[in-house]
Amino acid sequence: MRRLHILFVDCDENARDKVQQALGNGAIVQWATSLAAARQYLVANVPDIVISEVQLGLEDGLDLCRSVRSMPSLRHLPIMLLTSLTTIQDKVTGFDAGADDYVVKPFDARHLLARIHLLARIKRIEQRSD
């Protein structure tokens, strides 16, 4: 089975380290610390999954969700928000912006991996039905 290609968008180096530890060698991860870097990557490459923090300094990961959903070539790209925002309203706002999943920090590595594998499985099923 091939390794997943993941675009991880977060300006917090500690969060990136924790995600890398959780994923181990099971995924190829491209890191972006800004929306501009993430968009630039997405123009040139289509990962299997995008994982983004909502709070990106002065930027907003919800804008990345909306941007991806507005692009026909990326519309079906799975997006997970991995964030410290915990209220029900935060979650609803994330899903309304186009997120497919919402995981709260601090996260359990097994839970994160299970959610990533679920998104990958859903993507494979959707690709077969297209």
C-alpha atoms as a PDB file:
ATOM      1  CA  MET A   1       0.000   0.000   0.000  1.00  0.00           C
ATOM      2  CA  ARG A   2       1.419   3.372  -0.964  1.00  0.00           C
ATOM      3  CA  ARG A   3       2.105   6.021   1.632  1.00  0.00           C
ATOM      4  CA  LEU A   4      -0.364   8.879   1.928  1.00  0.00           C
ATOM      5  CA  HIS A   5       0.694  12.321   0.731  1.00  0.00           C
ATOM      6  CA  ILE A   6      -0.442  14.933   3.253  1.00  0.00           C
ATOM      7  CA  LEU A   7      -0.239  18.704   3.178  1.00  0.00           C
ATOM      8  CA  PHE A   8      -0.017  19.909   6.773  1.00  0.00           C
ATOM      9  CA  VAL A   9      -0.653  23.628   7.302  1.00  0.00           C
ATOM     10  CA  ASP A  10       0.335  25.042  10.690  1.00  0.00           C
ATOM     11  CA  CYS A  11       2.735  27.750  11.826  1.00  0.00           C
ATOM     12  CA  ASP A  12       3.375  25.973  15.157  1.00  0.00           C
ATOM     13  CA  GLU A  13       6.568  23.923  14.933  1.00  0.00           C
ATOM     14  CA  ASN A  14       5.612  21.898  18.021  1.00  0.00           C
ATOM     15  CA  ALA A  15       2.367  20.798  16.372  1.00  0.00           C
ATOM     16  CA  ARG A  16       4.254  19.786  13.230  1.00  0.00           C
ATOM     17  CA  ASP A  17       6.641  17.668  15.316  1.00  0.00           C
ATOM     18  CA  LYS A  18       3.749  15.925  17.109  1.00  0.00           C
ATOM     19  CA  VAL A  19       1.978  15.174  13.834  1.00  0.00           C
ATOM     20  CA  GLN A  20       5.194  13.819  12.308  1.00  0.00           C
ATOM     21  CA  GLN A  21       5.680  11.566  15.341  1.00  0.00           C
ATOM     22  CA  ALA A  22       2.089  10.340  15.060  1.00  0.00           C
ATOM     23  CA  LEU A  23       2.415   9.599  11.346  1.00  0.00           C
ATOM     24  CA  GLY A  24       5.878   8.067  11.546  1.00  0.00           C
ATOM     25  CA  ASN A  25       6.895   6.706   8.153  1.00  0.00           C
ATOM     26  CA  GLY A  26       3.299   6.041   7.162  1.00  0.00           C
ATOM     27  CA  ALA A  27       2.939   9.255   5.193  1.00  0.00           C
ATOM     28  CA  ILE A  28       4.861  11.727   3.099  1.00  0.00           C
ATOM     29  CA  VAL A  29       4.190  15.131   4.624  1.00  0.00           C
ATOM     30  CA  GLN A  30       4.649  18.514   3.005  1.00  0.00           C
ATOM     31  CA  TRP A  31       4.650  21.368   5.499  1.00  0.00           C
ATOM     32  CA  ALA A  32       3.234  24.844   4.883  1.00  0.00           C
ATOM     33  CA  THR A  33       3.259  27.647   7.447  1.00  0.00           C
ATOM     34  CA  SER A  34       0.955  30.048   5.612  1.00  0.00           C
ATOM     35  CA  LEU A  35      -2.070  30.069   3.340  1.00  0.00           C
ATOM     36  CA  ALA A  36       0.059  31.407   0.495  1.00  0.00           C
ATOM     37  CA  ALA A  37       2.500  28.496   0.812  1.00  0.00           C
ATOM     38  CA  ALA A  38      -0.373  26.013   1.027  1.00  0.00           C
ATOM     39  CA  ARG A  39      -2.089  27.425  -2.055  1.00  0.00           C
ATOM     40  CA  GLN A  40       1.197  27.442  -3.963  1.00  0.00           C
ATOM     41  CA  TYR A  41       1.734  23.780  -3.086  1.00  0.00           C
ATOM     42  CA  LEU A  42      -1.825  22.863  -4.113  1.00  0.00           C
ATOM     43  CA  VAL A  43      -1.393  24.481  -7.522  1.00  0.00           C
ATOM     44  CA  ALA A  44       1.578  22.217  -8.254  1.00  0.00           C
ATOM     45  CA  ASN A  45       0.590  19.069  -6.309  1.00  0.00           C
ATOM     46  CA  VAL A  46      -2.565  17.359  -5.161  1.00  0.00           C
ATOM     47  CA  PRO A  47      -2.050  15.564  -1.844  1.00  0.00           C
ATOM     48  CA  ASP A  48      -4.293  12.796  -0.572  1.00  0.00           C
ATOM     49  CA  ILE A  49      -5.375  14.873   2.433  1.00  0.00           C
ATOM     50  CA  VAL A  50      -4.982  18.425   3.731  1.00  0.00           C
ATOM     51  CA  ILE A  51      -4.652  18.904   7.484  1.00  0.00           C
ATOM     52  CA  SER A  52      -4.810  22.505   8.661  1.00  0.00           C
ATOM     53  CA  GLU A  53      -4.899  24.501  11.847  1.00  0.00           C
ATOM     54  CA  VAL A  54      -7.675  27.099  11.915  1.00  0.00           C
ATOM     55  CA  GLN A  55      -5.565  29.769  13.602  1.00  0.00           C
ATOM     56  CA  LEU A  56      -2.574  30.551  11.405  1.00  0.00           C
ATOM     57  CA  GLY A  57      -1.254  33.745  12.965  1.00  0.00           C
ATOM     58  CA  LEU A  58      -3.064  36.547  11.176  1.00  0.00           C
ATOM     59  CA  GLU A  59      -4.477  34.084   8.643  1.00  0.00           C
ATOM     60  CA  ASP A  60      -7.382  31.679   8.904  1.00  0.00           C
ATOM     61  CA  GLY A  61      -7.401  27.999   7.931  1.00  0.00           C
ATOM     62  CA  LEU A  62     -11.122  28.303   7.206  1.00  0.00           C
ATOM     63  CA  ASP A  63     -10.186  30.440   4.203  1.00  0.00           C
ATOM     64  CA  LEU A  64      -8.063  27.553   2.954  1.00  0.00           C
ATOM     65  CA  CYS A  65     -11.091  25.245   3.231  1.00  0.00           C
ATOM     66  CA  ARG A  66     -13.239  27.667   1.257  1.00  0.00           C
ATOM     67  CA  SER A  67     -10.514  28.147  -1.348  1.00  0.00           C
ATOM     68  CA  VAL A  68     -10.071  24.405  -1.879  1.00  0.00           C
ATOM     69  CA  ARG A  69     -13.829  23.847  -2.139  1.00  0.00           C
ATOM     70  CA  SER A  70     -14.120  26.596  -4.762  1.00  0.00           C
ATOM     71  CA  MET A  71     -11.578  24.931  -7.080  1.00  0.00           C
ATOM     72  CA  PRO A  72     -13.194  22.247  -9.279  1.00  0.00           C
ATOM     73  CA  SER A  73      -9.980  20.200  -9.459  1.00  0.00           C
ATOM     74  CA  LEU A  74      -9.674  20.095  -5.642  1.00  0.00           C
ATOM     75  CA  ARG A  75     -13.312  20.110  -4.618  1.00  0.00           C
ATOM     76  CA  HIS A  76     -13.201  16.475  -3.426  1.00  0.00           C
ATOM     77  CA  LEU A  77      -9.874  16.767  -1.589  1.00  0.00           C
ATOM     78  CA  PRO A  78     -10.353  15.634   2.037  1.00  0.00           C
ATOM     79  CA  ILE A  79      -9.668  18.386   4.570  1.00  0.00           C
ATOM     80  CA  MET A  80      -9.137  17.859   8.286  1.00  0.00           C
ATOM     81  CA  LEU A  81      -8.982  20.752  10.709  1.00  0.00           C
ATOM     82  CA  LEU A  82      -6.575  19.997  13.566  1.00  0.00           C
ATOM     83  CA  THR A  83      -7.004  22.844  15.997  1.00  0.00           C
ATOM     84  CA  SER A  84      -7.182  23.989  19.589  1.00  0.00           C
ATOM     85  CA  LEU A  85     -10.599  25.590  19.002  1.00  0.00           C
ATOM     86  CA  THR A  86     -13.029  23.387  20.922  1.00  0.00           C
ATOM     87  CA  THR A  87     -16.554  24.794  21.006  1.00  0.00           C
ATOM     88  CA  ILE A  88     -19.466  23.340  19.082  1.00  0.00           C
ATOM     89  CA  GLN A  89     -19.724  26.639  17.190  1.00  0.00           C
ATOM     90  CA  ASP A  90     -16.039  26.346  16.180  1.00  0.00           C
ATOM     91  CA  LYS A  91     -16.703  22.848  14.836  1.00  0.00           C
ATOM     92  CA  VAL A  92     -19.863  23.859  12.975  1.00  0.00           C
ATOM     93  CA  THR A  93     -18.026  26.830  11.462  1.00  0.00           C
ATOM     94  CA  GLY A  94     -15.243  24.495  10.322  1.00  0.00           C
ATOM     95  CA  PHE A  95     -17.656  22.072   8.685  1.00  0.00           C
ATOM     96  CA  ASP A  96     -19.573  24.964   7.087  1.00  0.00           C
ATOM     97  CA  ALA A  97     -16.280  26.210   5.602  1.00  0.00           C
ATOM     98  CA  GLY A  98     -15.764  22.841   3.918  1.00  0.00           C
ATOM     99  CA  ALA A  99     -13.858  20.664   6.384  1.00  0.00           C
ATOM    100  CA  ASP A 100     -14.522  16.927   6.272  1.00  0.00           C
ATOM    101  CA  ASP A 101     -13.199  16.253   9.750  1.00  0.00           C
ATOM    102  CA  TYR A 102     -12.349  18.203  12.889  1.00  0.00           C
ATOM    103  CA  VAL A 103      -9.828  16.991  15.472  1.00  0.00           C
ATOM    104  CA  VAL A 104      -9.073  18.970  18.629  1.00  0.00           C
ATOM    105  CA  LYS A 105      -5.582  19.545  20.027  1.00  0.00           C
ATOM    106  CA  PRO A 106      -4.067  18.104  22.044  1.00  0.00           C
ATOM    107  CA  PHE A 107      -4.759  14.944  20.092  1.00  0.00           C
ATOM    108  CA  ASP A 108      -4.188  11.268  20.701  1.00  0.00           C
ATOM    109  CA  ALA A 109      -1.908   9.837  17.983  1.00  0.00           C
ATOM    110  CA  ARG A 110      -4.049   6.705  17.526  1.00  0.00           C
ATOM    111  CA  HIS A 111      -7.200   8.792  17.118  1.00  0.00           C
ATOM    112  CA  LEU A 112      -5.502  11.098  14.601  1.00  0.00           C
ATOM    113  CA  LEU A 113      -4.249   8.130  12.556  1.00  0.00           C
ATOM    114  CA  ALA A 114      -7.676   6.506  12.622  1.00  0.00           C
ATOM    115  CA  ARG A 115      -9.304   9.721  11.350  1.00  0.00           C
ATOM    116  CA  ILE A 116      -6.676  10.120   8.594  1.00  0.00           C
ATOM    117  CA  HIS A 117      -7.184   6.516   7.470  1.00  0.00           C
ATOM    118  CA  LEU A 118     -10.941   7.060   7.479  1.00  0.00           C
ATOM    119  CA  LEU A 119     -10.605  10.117   5.216  1.00  0.00           C
ATOM    120  CA  ALA A 120      -8.292   8.177   2.886  1.00  0.00           C
ATOM    121  CA  ARG A 121     -10.771   5.269   2.736  1.00  0.00           C
ATOM    122  CA  ILE A 122     -13.674   7.615   1.951  1.00  0.00           C
ATOM    123  CA  LYS A 123     -11.596   9.245  -0.788  1.00  0.00           C
ATOM    124  CA  ARG A 124     -10.832   5.840  -2.369  1.00  0.00           C
ATOM    125  CA  ILE A 125     -14.525   4.894  -2.299  1.00  0.00           C
ATOM    126  CA  GLU A 126     -15.531   8.212  -3.885  1.00  0.00           C
ATOM    127  CA  GLN A 127     -12.903   7.838  -6.617  1.00  0.00           C
ATOM    128  CA  ARG A 128     -14.252   4.383  -7.513  1.00  0.00           C
ATOM    129  CA  SER A 129     -17.787   5.728  -7.851  1.00  0.00           C
ATOM    130  CA  ASP A 130     -16.853   8.671 -10.124  1.00  0.00           C
END
